[in-house]
Amino acid sequence: QVQLVESGGGLVQTGGSLRLSCAASGHTLNIYGMGWFRQAPGKEREFVVAISWSSGKQYYAESVKGRFTISGDNDKKTVFLQMNSLSPEDTAVYYCAADTITSPEKPEFPALVRDGDYDYWGQGTQVTVSS
């Protein structure tokens, strides 16, 4: 089993920045990719960004390109999400997720951008952007 713990959420004004962290523990050896998703009230959970430790690639949703940056430490299985130029539309609960299986039948793309393909999830952290 893998446990994911997010931190760093909070309240920020429009145009501000926040940095989220996610630390994995437990049986982390097989984690090959980690990502962030978010869910706003009344909306479905959506992909934000992901990183693949196996390929080094990063994947971004169009809505956050140029504003959000994912980084991390493969050895520590920790990821960070730097969020800049925040707007009220970014208000949501942000979830960290980890994927442990990749294969020719399940390549990292599109697996890392689909929430249904992830194996483990954190409890979520609230991000609120005031106007």
Protein backbone atom coordinates (compact mmCIF):
# COMPACT_ATOMS: atom_id res chain seq x y z
CA GLN A 1 0.00 0.00 0.00
CA VAL A 2 0.96 3.59 -0.58
CA GLN A 3 -0.09 6.58 1.47
CA LEU A 4 -0.14 10.08 0.02
CA VAL A 5 -0.26 13.19 2.15
CA GLU A 6 -0.82 16.62 0.63
CA SER A 7 -0.09 19.95 2.22
CA GLY A 8 0.18 23.59 1.30
CA GLY A 9 -3.37 24.52 0.45
CA GLY A 10 -5.00 27.68 1.71
CA LEU A 11 -6.58 30.99 0.85
CA VAL A 12 -4.89 33.36 -1.57
CA GLN A 13 -5.91 36.44 -3.50
CA THR A 14 -6.22 36.58 -7.26
CA GLY A 15 -2.79 36.76 -8.83
CA GLY A 16 -1.14 35.13 -5.86
CA SER A 17 0.83 31.92 -5.57
CA LEU A 18 0.71 28.71 -3.60
CA ARG A 19 2.94 25.67 -3.43
CA LEU A 20 1.44 22.28 -2.76
CA SER A 21 3.42 19.28 -1.59
CA CYS A 22 2.67 15.59 -1.70
CA ALA A 23 4.70 12.96 0.07
CA ALA A 24 4.33 9.26 -0.62
CA SER A 25 5.09 6.60 1.96
CA GLY A 26 4.74 2.87 2.22
CA HIS A 27 5.49 0.66 -0.75
CA THR A 28 6.67 3.44 -3.03
CA LEU A 29 9.23 1.49 -5.05
CA ASN A 30 6.86 0.82 -7.94
CA ILE A 31 5.57 4.36 -8.29
CA TYR A 32 6.51 5.52 -11.78
CA GLY A 33 4.38 8.64 -11.98
CA MET A 34 2.53 11.11 -9.82
CA GLY A 35 -0.02 13.72 -10.62
CA TRP A 36 -2.36 16.39 -9.36
CA PHE A 37 -6.06 16.57 -9.99
CA ARG A 38 -8.63 19.04 -8.73
CA GLN A 39 -12.34 19.13 -8.11
CA ALA A 40 -14.34 22.31 -7.83
CA PRO A 41 -17.79 22.38 -6.20
CA GLY A 42 -20.40 20.92 -8.49
CA LYS A 43 -17.83 19.82 -11.06
CA GLU A 44 -16.10 16.60 -11.96
CA ARG A 45 -12.53 15.96 -10.93
CA GLU A 46 -10.13 17.13 -13.61
CA PHE A 47 -6.51 16.56 -14.49
CA VAL A 48 -4.05 19.34 -13.66
CA VAL A 49 -0.49 18.09 -14.07
CA ALA A 50 1.59 14.92 -13.86
CA ILE A 51 5.19 13.83 -13.89
CA SER A 52 6.67 10.53 -15.00
CA TRP A 53 9.73 9.33 -13.12
CA SER A 54 10.40 6.72 -15.78
CA SER A 55 10.48 9.03 -18.80
CA GLY A 56 11.09 12.39 -17.15
CA LYS A 57 8.12 13.84 -19.02
CA GLN A 58 5.64 16.26 -17.58
CA TYR A 59 2.02 16.66 -18.65
CA TYR A 60 -0.04 19.80 -18.14
CA ALA A 61 -3.67 20.68 -18.61
CA GLU A 62 -4.09 23.55 -21.06
CA SER A 63 -5.76 25.65 -18.39
CA VAL A 64 -2.65 25.70 -16.20
CA LYS A 65 0.19 25.78 -18.74
CA GLY A 66 2.54 28.65 -18.06
CA ARG A 67 1.15 29.16 -14.56
CA PHE A 68 1.65 25.85 -12.76
CA THR A 69 4.85 23.83 -12.49
CA ILE A 70 5.30 20.32 -11.18
CA SER A 71 8.58 19.15 -9.72
CA GLY A 72 9.65 16.40 -7.45
CA ASP A 73 12.14 14.02 -6.00
CA ASN A 74 12.06 10.51 -7.41
CA ASP A 75 14.06 9.02 -4.56
CA LYS A 76 11.75 10.48 -1.95
CA LYS A 77 8.63 10.07 -4.09
CA THR A 78 7.64 13.63 -3.32
CA VAL A 79 6.04 16.05 -5.73
CA PHE A 80 5.45 19.76 -5.55
CA LEU A 81 2.98 21.90 -7.43
CA GLN A 82 3.95 25.54 -7.77
CA MET A 83 0.87 27.55 -8.68
CA ASN A 84 1.29 31.14 -9.88
CA SER A 85 -1.10 33.74 -11.22
CA LEU A 86 -4.00 32.08 -9.46
CA SER A 87 -7.54 33.01 -10.32
CA PRO A 88 -10.90 32.18 -8.70
CA GLU A 89 -11.35 29.50 -11.39
CA ASP A 90 -8.50 27.59 -9.73
CA THR A 91 -10.49 27.23 -6.53
CA ALA A 92 -10.89 23.52 -5.82
CA VAL A 93 -9.80 20.63 -3.70
CA TYR A 94 -6.48 19.47 -5.08
CA TYR A 95 -5.66 15.77 -4.95
CA CYS A 96 -2.31 14.07 -5.31
CA ALA A 97 -2.24 10.68 -6.99
CA ALA A 98 0.31 7.99 -7.71
CA ASP A 99 0.41 5.36 -10.43
CA THR A 100 2.39 2.15 -10.14
CA ILE A 101 1.66 0.27 -13.34
CA THR A 102 2.81 1.08 -16.82
CA SER A 103 3.00 -1.32 -19.72
CA PRO A 104 2.57 -1.40 -23.49
CA GLU A 105 -1.11 -1.99 -22.78
CA LYS A 106 -1.18 0.92 -20.39
CA PRO A 107 1.36 3.53 -21.57
CA GLU A 108 2.05 6.47 -19.32
CA PHE A 109 0.21 8.69 -21.74
CA PRO A 110 -2.74 8.85 -21.55
CA ALA A 111 -2.71 6.96 -18.23
CA LEU A 112 -1.15 9.83 -16.28
CA VAL A 113 -3.83 12.28 -17.37
CA ARG A 114 -6.76 10.00 -16.55
CA ASP A 115 -7.86 9.78 -12.94
CA GLY A 116 -9.24 6.28 -13.45
CA ASP A 117 -5.76 4.91 -14.13
CA TYR A 118 -4.18 6.00 -10.86
CA ASP A 119 -3.76 3.52 -8.04
CA TYR A 120 -3.48 5.73 -4.97
CA TRP A 121 -4.94 9.04 -3.87
CA GLY A 122 -4.35 11.56 -1.14
CA GLN A 123 -7.08 13.07 0.99
CA GLY A 124 -6.99 16.40 -0.83
CA THR A 125 -6.12 19.93 0.14
CA GLN A 126 -8.35 22.96 -0.33
CA VAL A 127 -7.18 25.85 -2.47
CA THR A 128 -9.34 28.95 -2.42
CA VAL A 129 -8.62 31.97 -4.57
CA SER A 130 -10.51 35.11 -3.65
CA SER A 131 -11.40 37.76 -6.19
